[in-house]
Amino acid sequence: MKSETALFPEQVLSRNNSAILALKLLVTLACFWYLFRHVELAKLREALPELQVGWAAIAVVLLILQIPLVALRLLEIVQVLRIGRFRWSHLCAASAIGQFFGQILPAVTGDGVRAWFLNRFGSSWRDAAVSVVIDRCVGIGLLLVFAFAILLLPSKLDFFAGYRGELVVFLGTVVFAGVIGLVLGARFSAALAERGHVRWIASFLTSAYRVVFGARCAAILGIGCLVHMLTIAAVWSLGRAQGLLLSPSDAAVLFAVMVGVALVPFSVGGWGLRELAMISFFGNYGLTPERALVFSMFFGFACLVASLPGAVVWLVFAGPRPTVGHG
């Protein structure tokens, strides 16, 4: 057994640039410093007891249900790419651990954990990384499609008043360009493969094309859509937990804002930036900054609680590497 595959912290976490992590932590802390200078703590305390635990628990359960679905999507992808034989239970463990680390550290760390886990159970590092990156791209691509469709829905949360048309055009252009780029990239991958220094790009584009347009594309994209729908349902449930009677379209708009902001790689797990966005948007909706801050933070805490099973799984799998045959 190679020592480099024995333990995750030395192998994956050490690869993260400590300066970038420190900068993200600084941005997160600066955001919260700014927030707490502009909210009244007395009103913030008044908003806390309004939480209805039952609805909050449902939201957490909905978020936990995403773990086996993300694992199933990754399983479909590794089967398309034929990088090895994996059990769904193994990928459930990988997804749970990745979600946990993605909540407490920069999101890329969670993906690094999943790649490490695939390598631990028989895949090469290259194939593991390609599979996880494609899985992440599928999730982000579907998020853009969801955001495009959500902006076309009627909602009393008119966060984007005056800019909705421009955003629809922008998102539509990005999605269209992504699809065209993927198709053209796969078509000209053979030419790229002849150039040694970009051969890996050609391989990645070919693999991504097989995933998005291959025989299993309906299952992969369908699972991805279901994952996002569970998040929307969790947002709706958290609204009920705080006495906000959100419609499904309202919850979808909030989903697009909170999850979209969380993808911006300037803070840890989207914390701070998400709260700033929610206070700004909810202020236009008529809620106090305190209520908006509580809603956003409860969403973050719900995601964190939903990731805790990954901490338990990590304690189980952090030991010596098992002996598993290659597929």
C-alpha atoms as a PDB file:
ATOM      1  CA  MET A   1       0.000   0.000   0.000  1.00  0.00           C
ATOM      2  CA  LYS A   2       1.354   3.371  -0.979  1.00  0.00           C
ATOM      3  CA  SER A   3       1.579   5.841   1.825  1.00  0.00           C
ATOM      4  CA  GLU A   4       0.094   8.588  -0.355  1.00  0.00           C
ATOM      5  CA  THR A   5      -3.250   6.774  -0.444  1.00  0.00           C
ATOM      6  CA  ALA A   6      -3.369   5.879   3.232  1.00  0.00           C
ATOM      7  CA  LEU A   7      -4.781   9.037   4.725  1.00  0.00           C
ATOM      8  CA  PHE A   8      -6.929  11.744   3.217  1.00  0.00           C
ATOM      9  CA  PRO A   9      -5.794  14.830   5.147  1.00  0.00           C
ATOM     10  CA  GLU A  10      -2.156  14.627   4.056  1.00  0.00           C
ATOM     11  CA  GLN A  11      -3.106  13.837   0.456  1.00  0.00           C
ATOM     12  CA  VAL A  12      -5.986  16.170  -0.320  1.00  0.00           C
ATOM     13  CA  LEU A  13      -6.167  18.937   2.255  1.00  0.00           C
ATOM     14  CA  SER A  14      -2.455  19.690   1.948  1.00  0.00           C
ATOM     15  CA  ARG A  15      -2.990  20.452  -1.732  1.00  0.00           C
ATOM     16  CA  ASN A  16      -5.231  23.390  -0.970  1.00  0.00           C
ATOM     17  CA  ASN A  17      -3.525  26.713  -0.924  1.00  0.00           C
ATOM     18  CA  SER A  18      -3.591  27.870   2.682  1.00  0.00           C
ATOM     19  CA  ALA A  19      -3.444  31.509   1.608  1.00  0.00           C
ATOM     20  CA  ILE A  20      -6.610  31.128  -0.495  1.00  0.00           C
ATOM     21  CA  LEU A  21      -8.401  29.394   2.363  1.00  0.00           C
ATOM     22  CA  ALA A  22      -7.361  32.140   4.740  1.00  0.00           C
ATOM     23  CA  LEU A  23      -8.613  34.762   2.280  1.00  0.00           C
ATOM     24  CA  LYS A  24     -11.981  33.017   1.990  1.00  0.00           C
ATOM     25  CA  LEU A  25     -12.276  32.865   5.754  1.00  0.00           C
ATOM     26  CA  LEU A  26     -11.444  36.555   5.902  1.00  0.00           C
ATOM     27  CA  VAL A  27     -14.144  37.362   3.343  1.00  0.00           C
ATOM     28  CA  THR A  28     -16.685  35.288   5.268  1.00  0.00           C
ATOM     29  CA  LEU A  29     -15.844  36.987   8.555  1.00  0.00           C
ATOM     30  CA  ALA A  30     -15.908  40.430   6.912  1.00  0.00           C
ATOM     31  CA  CYS A  31     -19.368  39.739   5.503  1.00  0.00           C
ATOM     32  CA  PHE A  32     -20.719  38.745   8.911  1.00  0.00           C
ATOM     33  CA  TRP A  33     -19.038  41.738  10.547  1.00  0.00           C
ATOM     34  CA  TYR A  34     -20.822  43.990   8.088  1.00  0.00           C
ATOM     35  CA  LEU A  35     -24.117  42.145   8.582  1.00  0.00           C
ATOM     36  CA  PHE A  36     -24.125  42.371  12.350  1.00  0.00           C
ATOM     37  CA  ARG A  37     -23.383  46.083  12.157  1.00  0.00           C
ATOM     38  CA  HIS A  38     -26.616  46.540  10.192  1.00  0.00           C
ATOM     39  CA  VAL A  39     -29.047  44.305  12.098  1.00  0.00           C
ATOM     40  CA  GLU A  40     -30.565  44.781  15.517  1.00  0.00           C
ATOM     41  CA  LEU A  41     -29.644  41.917  17.832  1.00  0.00           C
ATOM     42  CA  ALA A  42     -32.838  42.363  19.851  1.00  0.00           C
ATOM     43  CA  LYS A  43     -34.965  41.851  16.738  1.00  0.00           C
ATOM     44  CA  LEU A  44     -32.723  38.989  15.696  1.00  0.00           C
ATOM     45  CA  ARG A  45     -33.413  37.222  19.005  1.00  0.00           C
ATOM     46  CA  GLU A  46     -37.132  37.810  18.533  1.00  0.00           C
ATOM     47  CA  ALA A  47     -37.038  36.055  15.179  1.00  0.00           C
ATOM     48  CA  LEU A  48     -35.374  32.894  16.527  1.00  0.00           C
ATOM     49  CA  PRO A  49     -38.249  31.476  18.629  1.00  0.00           C
ATOM     50  CA  GLU A  50     -40.562  31.561  15.609  1.00  0.00           C
ATOM     51  CA  LEU A  51     -38.896  28.470  14.150  1.00  0.00           C
ATOM     52  CA  GLN A  52     -41.238  25.484  13.843  1.00  0.00           C
ATOM     53  CA  VAL A  53     -39.022  22.482  14.441  1.00  0.00           C
ATOM     54  CA  GLY A  54     -41.183  20.033  12.499  1.00  0.00           C
ATOM     55  CA  TRP A  55     -40.904  21.900   9.224  1.00  0.00           C
ATOM     56  CA  ALA A  56     -37.187  22.494   9.833  1.00  0.00           C
ATOM     57  CA  ALA A  57     -36.673  18.767  10.381  1.00  0.00           C
ATOM     58  CA  ILE A  58     -38.438  18.014   7.097  1.00  0.00           C
ATOM     59  CA  ALA A  59     -36.066  20.405   5.338  1.00  0.00           C
ATOM     60  CA  VAL A  60     -33.055  18.598   6.816  1.00  0.00           C
ATOM     61  CA  VAL A  61     -34.441  15.211   5.754  1.00  0.00           C
ATOM     62  CA  LEU A  62     -34.977  16.492   2.208  1.00  0.00           C
ATOM     63  CA  LEU A  63     -31.360  17.664   2.084  1.00  0.00           C
ATOM     64  CA  ILE A  64     -30.101  14.333   3.438  1.00  0.00           C
ATOM     65  CA  LEU A  65     -32.030  12.518   0.705  1.00  0.00           C
ATOM     66  CA  GLN A  66     -29.808  14.251  -1.807  1.00  0.00           C
ATOM     67  CA  ILE A  67     -26.811  12.190  -0.688  1.00  0.00           C
ATOM     68  CA  PRO A  68     -27.934   8.831  -2.146  1.00  0.00           C
ATOM     69  CA  LEU A  69     -29.176  10.606  -5.284  1.00  0.00           C
ATOM     70  CA  VAL A  70     -25.833  12.326  -5.870  1.00  0.00           C
ATOM     71  CA  ALA A  71     -24.184   8.944  -5.313  1.00  0.00           C
ATOM     72  CA  LEU A  72     -26.486   7.351  -7.884  1.00  0.00           C
ATOM     73  CA  ARG A  73     -25.678  10.097 -10.397  1.00  0.00           C
ATOM     74  CA  LEU A  74     -21.953   9.577  -9.861  1.00  0.00           C
ATOM     75  CA  LEU A  75     -22.438   5.815 -10.205  1.00  0.00           C
ATOM     76  CA  GLU A  76     -24.104   6.343 -13.576  1.00  0.00           C
ATOM     77  CA  ILE A  77     -21.215   8.552 -14.665  1.00  0.00           C
ATOM     78  CA  VAL A  78     -18.470   6.116 -13.661  1.00  0.00           C
ATOM     79  CA  GLN A  79     -20.357   3.349 -15.453  1.00  0.00           C
ATOM     80  CA  VAL A  80     -20.531   5.448 -18.616  1.00  0.00           C
ATOM     81  CA  LEU A  81     -16.808   6.148 -18.387  1.00  0.00           C
ATOM     82  CA  ARG A  82     -16.031   2.555 -17.361  1.00  0.00           C
ATOM     83  CA  ILE A  83     -13.430   3.520 -14.807  1.00  0.00           C
ATOM     84  CA  GLY A  84     -14.078   0.630 -12.452  1.00  0.00           C
ATOM     85  CA  ARG A  85     -16.676  -1.341 -10.567  1.00  0.00           C
ATOM     86  CA  PHE A  86     -18.206   0.495  -7.644  1.00  0.00           C
ATOM     87  CA  ARG A  87     -21.047  -0.285  -5.348  1.00  0.00           C
ATOM     88  CA  TRP A  88     -23.747   2.299  -4.801  1.00  0.00           C
ATOM     89  CA  SER A  89     -23.095   2.000  -1.058  1.00  0.00           C
ATOM     90  CA  HIS A  90     -19.456   2.989  -1.600  1.00  0.00           C
ATOM     91  CA  LEU A  91     -20.473   6.072  -3.560  1.00  0.00           C
ATOM     92  CA  CYS A  92     -23.095   6.944  -0.935  1.00  0.00           C
ATOM     93  CA  ALA A  93     -20.257   7.009   1.572  1.00  0.00           C
ATOM     94  CA  ALA A  94     -18.143   9.125  -0.794  1.00  0.00           C
ATOM     95  CA  SER A  95     -20.989  11.585  -1.369  1.00  0.00           C
ATOM     96  CA  ALA A  96     -21.753  11.865   2.332  1.00  0.00           C
ATOM     97  CA  ILE A  97     -18.121  12.547   3.218  1.00  0.00           C
ATOM     98  CA  GLY A  98     -17.753  14.989   0.336  1.00  0.00           C
ATOM     99  CA  GLN A  99     -20.850  16.887   1.407  1.00  0.00           C
ATOM    100  CA  PHE A 100     -19.545  17.165   4.959  1.00  0.00           C
ATOM    101  CA  PHE A 101     -16.130  18.503   3.956  1.00  0.00           C
ATOM    102  CA  GLY A 102     -17.757  20.774   1.382  1.00  0.00           C
ATOM    103  CA  GLN A 103     -19.751  22.416   4.178  1.00  0.00           C
ATOM    104  CA  ILE A 104     -16.883  23.074   6.576  1.00  0.00           C
ATOM    105  CA  LEU A 105     -14.199  23.835   3.961  1.00  0.00           C
ATOM    106  CA  PRO A 106     -14.167  25.334   0.441  1.00  0.00           C
ATOM    107  CA  ALA A 107     -16.471  23.407  -1.909  1.00  0.00           C
ATOM    108  CA  VAL A 108     -13.575  22.076  -3.996  1.00  0.00           C
ATOM    109  CA  THR A 109     -12.435  20.121  -0.929  1.00  0.00           C
ATOM    110  CA  GLY A 110     -15.643  18.089  -1.000  1.00  0.00           C
ATOM    111  CA  ASP A 111     -14.994  17.142  -4.608  1.00  0.00           C
ATOM    112  CA  GLY A 112     -11.415  16.272  -3.688  1.00  0.00           C
ATOM    113  CA  VAL A 113     -12.757  13.903  -1.053  1.00  0.00           C
ATOM    114  CA  ARG A 114     -14.979  12.161  -3.572  1.00  0.00           C
ATOM    115  CA  ALA A 115     -12.090  11.750  -6.007  1.00  0.00           C
ATOM    116  CA  TRP A 116      -9.947  10.392  -3.175  1.00  0.00           C
ATOM    117  CA  PHE A 117     -12.691   7.925  -2.310  1.00  0.00           C
ATOM    118  CA  LEU A 118     -12.957   6.649  -5.895  1.00  0.00           C
ATOM    119  CA  ASN A 119      -9.187   6.193  -5.937  1.00  0.00           C
ATOM    120  CA  ARG A 120      -9.377   4.375  -2.608  1.00  0.00           C
ATOM    121  CA  PHE A 121     -11.761   1.827  -4.104  1.00  0.00           C
ATOM    122  CA  GLY A 122      -9.903   1.059  -7.290  1.00  0.00           C
ATOM    123  CA  SER A 123      -9.932   4.004  -9.718  1.00  0.00           C
ATOM    124  CA  SER A 124      -6.879   5.880 -10.902  1.00  0.00           C
ATOM    125  CA  TRP A 125      -6.510   9.462  -9.693  1.00  0.00           C
ATOM    126  CA  ARG A 126      -6.991  10.817 -13.209  1.00  0.00           C
ATOM    127  CA  ASP A 127     -10.212   8.893 -13.862  1.00  0.00           C
ATOM    128  CA  ALA A 128     -11.525   9.710 -10.404  1.00  0.00           C
ATOM    129  CA  ALA A 129     -10.897  13.431 -10.886  1.00  0.00           C
ATOM    130  CA  VAL A 130     -12.492  13.466 -14.348  1.00  0.00           C
ATOM    131  CA  SER A 131     -15.598  11.667 -13.072  1.00  0.00           C
ATOM    132  CA  VAL A 132     -16.069  14.019 -10.128  1.00  0.00           C
ATOM    133  CA  VAL A 133     -15.461  17.157 -12.199  1.00  0.00           C
ATOM    134  CA  ILE A 134     -18.001  16.019 -14.798  1.00  0.00           C
ATOM    135  CA  ASP A 135     -20.489  15.258 -12.035  1.00  0.00           C
ATOM    136  CA  ARG A 136     -19.964  18.760 -10.620  1.00  0.00           C
ATOM    137  CA  CYS A 137     -20.357  20.319 -14.073  1.00  0.00           C
ATOM    138  CA  VAL A 138     -23.619  18.435 -14.599  1.00  0.00           C
ATOM    139  CA  GLY A 139     -24.931  19.815 -11.322  1.00  0.00           C
ATOM    140  CA  ILE A 140     -23.910  23.391 -12.155  1.00  0.00           C
ATOM    141  CA  GLY A 141     -25.215  23.138 -15.706  1.00  0.00           C
ATOM    142  CA  LEU A 142     -28.600  21.964 -14.482  1.00  0.00           C
ATOM    143  CA  LEU A 143     -28.602  24.770 -11.916  1.00  0.00           C
ATOM    144  CA  LEU A 144     -28.210  27.277 -14.752  1.00  0.00           C
ATOM    145  CA  VAL A 145     -31.075  25.614 -16.631  1.00  0.00           C
ATOM    146  CA  PHE A 146     -33.222  25.729 -13.486  1.00  0.00           C
ATOM    147  CA  ALA A 147     -32.379  29.398 -12.941  1.00  0.00           C
ATOM    148  CA  PHE A 148     -33.326  30.163 -16.548  1.00  0.00           C
ATOM    149  CA  ALA A 149     -36.677  28.405 -16.157  1.00  0.00           C
ATOM    150  CA  ILE A 150     -37.308  29.916 -12.704  1.00  0.00           C
ATOM    151  CA  LEU A 151     -36.920  33.439 -14.064  1.00  0.00           C
ATOM    152  CA  LEU A 152     -39.771  32.695 -16.454  1.00  0.00           C
ATOM    153  CA  LEU A 153     -42.107  31.759 -13.583  1.00  0.00           C
ATOM    154  CA  PRO A 154     -44.449  34.301 -11.951  1.00  0.00           C
ATOM    155  CA  SER A 155     -43.373  35.080  -8.379  1.00  0.00           C
ATOM    156  CA  LYS A 156     -44.158  37.747  -5.828  1.00  0.00           C
ATOM    157  CA  LEU A 157     -40.434  37.707  -4.975  1.00  0.00           C
ATOM    158  CA  ASP A 158     -39.517  40.057  -7.779  1.00  0.00           C
ATOM    159  CA  PHE A 159     -35.858  40.200  -6.791  1.00  0.00           C
ATOM    160  CA  PHE A 160     -34.712  41.030 -10.311  1.00  0.00           C
ATOM    161  CA  ALA A 161     -37.134  43.831 -11.134  1.00  0.00           C
ATOM    162  CA  GLY A 162     -35.898  45.670 -14.202  1.00  0.00           C
ATOM    163  CA  TYR A 163     -33.217  43.058 -14.941  1.00  0.00           C
ATOM    164  CA  ARG A 164     -35.228  39.872 -15.365  1.00  0.00           C
ATOM    165  CA  GLY A 165     -35.169  40.033 -19.172  1.00  0.00           C
ATOM    166  CA  GLU A 166     -31.421  40.617 -19.258  1.00  0.00           C
ATOM    167  CA  LEU A 167     -30.806  37.737 -16.857  1.00  0.00           C
ATOM    168  CA  VAL A 168     -32.977  35.389 -18.911  1.00  0.00           C
ATOM    169  CA  VAL A 169     -31.006  36.291 -22.051  1.00  0.00           C
ATOM    170  CA  PHE A 170     -27.681  35.921 -20.223  1.00  0.00           C
ATOM    171  CA  LEU A 171     -28.510  32.520 -18.716  1.00  0.00           C
ATOM    172  CA  GLY A 172     -29.961  31.271 -21.985  1.00  0.00           C
ATOM    173  CA  THR A 173     -26.811  32.340 -23.807  1.00  0.00           C
ATOM    174  CA  VAL A 174     -24.557  30.643 -21.253  1.00  0.00           C
ATOM    175  CA  VAL A 175     -26.494  27.369 -21.416  1.00  0.00           C
ATOM    176  CA  PHE A 176     -26.609  27.432 -25.223  1.00  0.00           C
ATOM    177  CA  ALA A 177     -22.901  28.235 -25.449  1.00  0.00           C
ATOM    178  CA  GLY A 178     -22.106  25.419 -23.023  1.00  0.00           C
ATOM    179  CA  VAL A 179     -24.028  22.858 -25.080  1.00  0.00           C
ATOM    180  CA  ILE A 180     -22.508  24.039 -28.364  1.00  0.00           C
ATOM    181  CA  GLY A 181     -19.036  24.095 -26.833  1.00  0.00           C
ATOM    182  CA  LEU A 182     -19.464  20.544 -25.557  1.00  0.00           C
ATOM    183  CA  VAL A 183     -20.676  19.270 -28.939  1.00  0.00           C
ATOM    184  CA  LEU A 184     -17.915  21.006 -30.891  1.00  0.00           C
ATOM    185  CA  GLY A 185     -15.295  20.038 -28.330  1.00  0.00           C
ATOM    186  CA  ALA A 186     -16.184  16.369 -28.620  1.00  0.00           C
ATOM    187  CA  ARG A 187     -16.246  16.600 -32.416  1.00  0.00           C
ATOM    188  CA  PHE A 188     -12.745  18.063 -32.607  1.00  0.00           C
ATOM    189  CA  SER A 189     -11.323  16.072 -29.698  1.00  0.00           C
ATOM    190  CA  ALA A 190      -9.399  13.822 -32.071  1.00  0.00           C
ATOM    191  CA  ALA A 191      -7.499  16.808 -33.428  1.00  0.00           C
ATOM    192  CA  LEU A 192      -6.804  18.040 -29.914  1.00  0.00           C
ATOM    193  CA  ALA A 193      -5.576  14.606 -28.877  1.00  0.00           C
ATOM    194  CA  GLU A 194      -2.743  14.879 -31.411  1.00  0.00           C
ATOM    195  CA  ARG A 195      -1.328  17.772 -29.388  1.00  0.00           C
ATOM    196  CA  GLY A 196       0.297  16.262 -26.339  1.00  0.00           C
ATOM    197  CA  HIS A 197      -0.039  19.265 -24.030  1.00  0.00           C
ATOM    198  CA  VAL A 198      -3.838  19.478 -24.482  1.00  0.00           C
ATOM    199  CA  ARG A 199      -4.559  15.775 -24.807  1.00  0.00           C
ATOM    200  CA  TRP A 200      -6.189  15.734 -21.395  1.00  0.00           C
ATOM    201  CA  ILE A 201      -8.644  18.411 -22.564  1.00  0.00           C
ATOM    202  CA  ALA A 202      -9.666  16.247 -25.498  1.00  0.00           C
ATOM    203  CA  SER A 203     -10.153  13.274 -23.190  1.00  0.00           C
ATOM    204  CA  PHE A 204     -12.247  15.345 -20.781  1.00  0.00           C
ATOM    205  CA  LEU A 205     -14.478  16.747 -23.543  1.00  0.00           C
ATOM    206  CA  THR A 206     -15.052  13.298 -24.989  1.00  0.00           C
ATOM    207  CA  SER A 207     -15.944  11.894 -21.580  1.00  0.00           C
ATOM    208  CA  ALA A 208     -18.277  14.788 -20.811  1.00  0.00           C
ATOM    209  CA  TYR A 209     -20.037  14.366 -24.158  1.00  0.00           C
ATOM    210  CA  ARG A 210     -20.597  10.666 -23.470  1.00  0.00           C
ATOM    211  CA  VAL A 211     -22.105  11.514 -20.101  1.00  0.00           C
ATOM    212  CA  VAL A 212     -24.415  14.326 -21.263  1.00  0.00           C
ATOM    213  CA  PHE A 213     -25.498  12.864 -24.610  1.00  0.00           C
ATOM    214  CA  GLY A 214     -24.900   9.137 -24.127  1.00  0.00           C
ATOM    215  CA  ALA A 215     -27.267   6.261 -23.456  1.00  0.00           C
ATOM    216  CA  ARG A 216     -27.488   7.051 -19.732  1.00  0.00           C
ATOM    217  CA  CYS A 217     -28.023  10.796 -20.153  1.00  0.00           C
ATOM    218  CA  ALA A 218     -31.726  10.653 -19.227  1.00  0.00           C
ATOM    219  CA  ALA A 219     -30.948   8.952 -15.914  1.00  0.00           C
ATOM    220  CA  ILE A 220     -28.010  11.263 -15.122  1.00  0.00           C
ATOM    221  CA  LEU A 221     -29.846  14.481 -15.945  1.00  0.00           C
ATOM    222  CA  GLY A 222     -33.066  13.260 -14.352  1.00  0.00           C
ATOM    223  CA  ILE A 223     -31.300  12.498 -11.085  1.00  0.00           C
ATOM    224  CA  GLY A 224     -29.626  15.904 -11.210  1.00  0.00           C
ATOM    225  CA  CYS A 225     -32.998  17.612 -11.650  1.00  0.00           C
ATOM    226  CA  LEU A 226     -34.430  15.662  -8.713  1.00  0.00           C
ATOM    227  CA  VAL A 227     -31.538  16.800  -6.502  1.00  0.00           C
ATOM    228  CA  HIS A 228     -32.321  20.443  -7.259  1.00  0.00           C
ATOM    229  CA  MET A 229     -36.034  19.880  -6.745  1.00  0.00           C
ATOM    230  CA  LEU A 230     -35.321  18.485  -3.286  1.00  0.00           C
ATOM    231  CA  THR A 231     -33.397  21.659  -2.473  1.00  0.00           C
ATOM    232  CA  ILE A 232     -36.345  23.779  -3.609  1.00  0.00           C
ATOM    233  CA  ALA A 233     -38.655  21.696  -1.425  1.00  0.00           C
ATOM    234  CA  ALA A 234     -36.266  22.177   1.507  1.00  0.00           C
ATOM    235  CA  VAL A 235     -36.314  25.966   0.977  1.00  0.00           C
ATOM    236  CA  TRP A 236     -40.107  25.901   0.918  1.00  0.00           C
ATOM    237  CA  SER A 237     -40.162  23.839   4.122  1.00  0.00           C
ATOM    238  CA  LEU A 238     -37.775  26.258   5.852  1.00  0.00           C
ATOM    239  CA  GLY A 239     -40.081  29.074   4.832  1.00  0.00           C
ATOM    240  CA  ARG A 240     -42.967  27.311   6.550  1.00  0.00           C
ATOM    241  CA  ALA A 241     -40.738  26.734   9.583  1.00  0.00           C
ATOM    242  CA  GLN A 242     -40.345  30.502   9.908  1.00  0.00           C
ATOM    243  CA  GLY A 243     -43.931  31.390   9.124  1.00  0.00           C
ATOM    244  CA  LEU A 244     -43.259  32.448   5.533  1.00  0.00           C
ATOM    245  CA  LEU A 245     -46.003  31.164   3.249  1.00  0.00           C
ATOM    246  CA  LEU A 246     -43.889  30.778   0.136  1.00  0.00           C
ATOM    247  CA  SER A 247     -45.350  29.472  -3.088  1.00  0.00           C
ATOM    248  CA  PRO A 248     -43.364  26.823  -4.993  1.00  0.00           C
ATOM    249  CA  SER A 249     -42.226  29.493  -7.455  1.00  0.00           C
ATOM    250  CA  ASP A 250     -41.124  31.745  -4.564  1.00  0.00           C
ATOM    251  CA  ALA A 251     -39.108  28.870  -3.097  1.00  0.00           C
ATOM    252  CA  ALA A 252     -37.585  28.253  -6.523  1.00  0.00           C
ATOM    253  CA  VAL A 253     -36.469  31.884  -6.764  1.00  0.00           C
ATOM    254  CA  LEU A 254     -34.875  31.703  -3.304  1.00  0.00           C
ATOM    255  CA  PHE A 255     -33.188  28.433  -4.307  1.00  0.00           C
ATOM    256  CA  ALA A 256     -31.684  30.078  -7.393  1.00  0.00           C
ATOM    257  CA  VAL A 257     -30.383  33.002  -5.337  1.00  0.00           C
ATOM    258  CA  MET A 258     -28.963  31.083  -2.351  1.00  0.00           C
ATOM    259  CA  VAL A 259     -27.448  28.166  -4.234  1.00  0.00           C
ATOM    260  CA  GLY A 260     -26.172  30.427  -7.002  1.00  0.00           C
ATOM    261  CA  VAL A 261     -24.441  32.758  -4.554  1.00  0.00           C
ATOM    262  CA  ALA A 262     -22.944  29.767  -2.735  1.00  0.00           C
ATOM    263  CA  LEU A 263     -21.138  28.831  -5.965  1.00  0.00           C
ATOM    264  CA  VAL A 264     -19.215  32.115  -5.949  1.00  0.00           C
ATOM    265  CA  PRO A 265     -15.740  31.009  -4.767  1.00  0.00           C
ATOM    266  CA  PHE A 266     -15.012  33.985  -2.521  1.00  0.00           C
ATOM    267  CA  SER A 267     -16.161  32.635   0.838  1.00  0.00           C
ATOM    268  CA  VAL A 268     -16.318  29.323   2.683  1.00  0.00           C
ATOM    269  CA  GLY A 269     -19.429  27.399   1.699  1.00  0.00           C
ATOM    270  CA  GLY A 270     -21.121  30.587   0.530  1.00  0.00           C
ATOM    271  CA  TRP A 271     -21.469  31.807   4.127  1.00  0.00           C
ATOM    272  CA  GLY A 272     -21.582  35.562   4.415  1.00  0.00           C
ATOM    273  CA  LEU A 273     -22.158  36.266   0.736  1.00  0.00           C
ATOM    274  CA  ARG A 274     -25.411  34.304   0.844  1.00  0.00           C
ATOM    275  CA  GLU A 275     -26.596  36.267   3.858  1.00  0.00           C
ATOM    276  CA  LEU A 276     -25.714  39.590   2.235  1.00  0.00           C
ATOM    277  CA  ALA A 277     -27.653  38.629  -0.885  1.00  0.00           C
ATOM    278  CA  MET A 278     -30.681  37.488   1.082  1.00  0.00           C
ATOM    279  CA  ILE A 279     -30.850  40.675   3.157  1.00  0.00           C
ATOM    280  CA  SER A 280     -30.629  42.761   0.003  1.00  0.00           C
ATOM    281  CA  PHE A 281     -33.267  40.757  -1.878  1.00  0.00           C
ATOM    282  CA  PHE A 282     -35.610  40.193   1.065  1.00  0.00           C
ATOM    283  CA  GLY A 283     -35.405  43.886   1.869  1.00  0.00           C
ATOM    284  CA  ASN A 284     -37.042  44.557  -1.490  1.00  0.00           C
ATOM    285  CA  TYR A 285     -39.650  41.942  -0.600  1.00  0.00           C
ATOM    286  CA  GLY A 286     -40.566  43.770   2.592  1.00  0.00           C
ATOM    287  CA  LEU A 287     -38.979  41.577   5.275  1.00  0.00           C
ATOM    288  CA  THR A 288     -36.712  43.011   7.923  1.00  0.00           C
ATOM    289  CA  PRO A 289     -32.965  42.368   7.619  1.00  0.00           C
ATOM    290  CA  GLU A 290     -33.201  40.271  10.802  1.00  0.00           C
ATOM    291  CA  ARG A 291     -35.783  37.908   9.311  1.00  0.00           C
ATOM    292  CA  ALA A 292     -33.825  37.631   6.083  1.00  0.00           C
ATOM    293  CA  LEU A 293     -30.627  36.888   8.007  1.00  0.00           C
ATOM    294  CA  VAL A 294     -32.362  34.232  10.102  1.00  0.00           C
ATOM    295  CA  PHE A 295     -33.812  32.575   6.998  1.00  0.00           C
ATOM    296  CA  SER A 296     -30.458  32.449   5.227  1.00  0.00           C
ATOM    297  CA  MET A 297     -28.553  31.218   8.272  1.00  0.00           C
ATOM    298  CA  PHE A 298     -31.141  28.527   8.990  1.00  0.00           C
ATOM    299  CA  PHE A 299     -30.721  27.324   5.420  1.00  0.00           C
ATOM    300  CA  GLY A 300     -26.960  27.160   5.966  1.00  0.00           C
ATOM    301  CA  PHE A 301     -27.387  25.360   9.289  1.00  0.00           C
ATOM    302  CA  ALA A 302     -29.864  22.917   7.720  1.00  0.00           C
ATOM    303  CA  CYS A 303     -27.261  22.088   5.048  1.00  0.00           C
ATOM    304  CA  LEU A 304     -24.622  21.667   7.746  1.00  0.00           C
ATOM    305  CA  VAL A 305     -26.804  19.361   9.855  1.00  0.00           C
ATOM    306  CA  ALA A 306     -27.712  17.352   6.758  1.00  0.00           C
ATOM    307  CA  SER A 307     -24.000  16.822   6.099  1.00  0.00           C
ATOM    308  CA  LEU A 308     -23.275  15.364   9.553  1.00  0.00           C
ATOM    309  CA  PRO A 309     -23.849  11.748   8.431  1.00  0.00           C
ATOM    310  CA  GLY A 310     -20.753  12.281   6.316  1.00  0.00           C
ATOM    311  CA  ALA A 311     -18.713  12.957   9.452  1.00  0.00           C
ATOM    312  CA  VAL A 312     -19.803   9.613  10.878  1.00  0.00           C
ATOM    313  CA  VAL A 313     -19.002   7.807   7.631  1.00  0.00           C
ATOM    314  CA  TRP A 314     -15.605   9.514   7.526  1.00  0.00           C
ATOM    315  CA  LEU A 315     -14.730   8.142  10.962  1.00  0.00           C
ATOM    316  CA  VAL A 316     -15.519   4.651   9.672  1.00  0.00           C
ATOM    317  CA  PHE A 317     -13.611   4.885   6.388  1.00  0.00           C
ATOM    318  CA  ALA A 318     -10.588   6.911   7.474  1.00  0.00           C
ATOM    319  CA  GLY A 319      -8.653   3.793   8.383  1.00  0.00           C
ATOM    320  CA  PRO A 320      -6.384   1.597   6.247  1.00  0.00           C
ATOM    321  CA  ARG A 321      -7.268   1.161   2.618  1.00  0.00           C
ATOM    322  CA  PRO A 322      -9.353  -1.960   1.909  1.00  0.00           C
ATOM    323  CA  THR A 323      -8.375  -4.528  -0.674  1.00  0.00           C
ATOM    324  CA  VAL A 324     -10.753  -4.157  -3.611  1.00  0.00           C
ATOM    325  CA  GLY A 325     -10.216  -5.620  -7.042  1.00  0.00           C
ATOM    326  CA  HIS A 326     -10.158  -3.435 -10.114  1.00  0.00           C
ATOM    327  CA  GLY A 327     -13.078  -3.630 -12.522  1.00  0.00           C
END
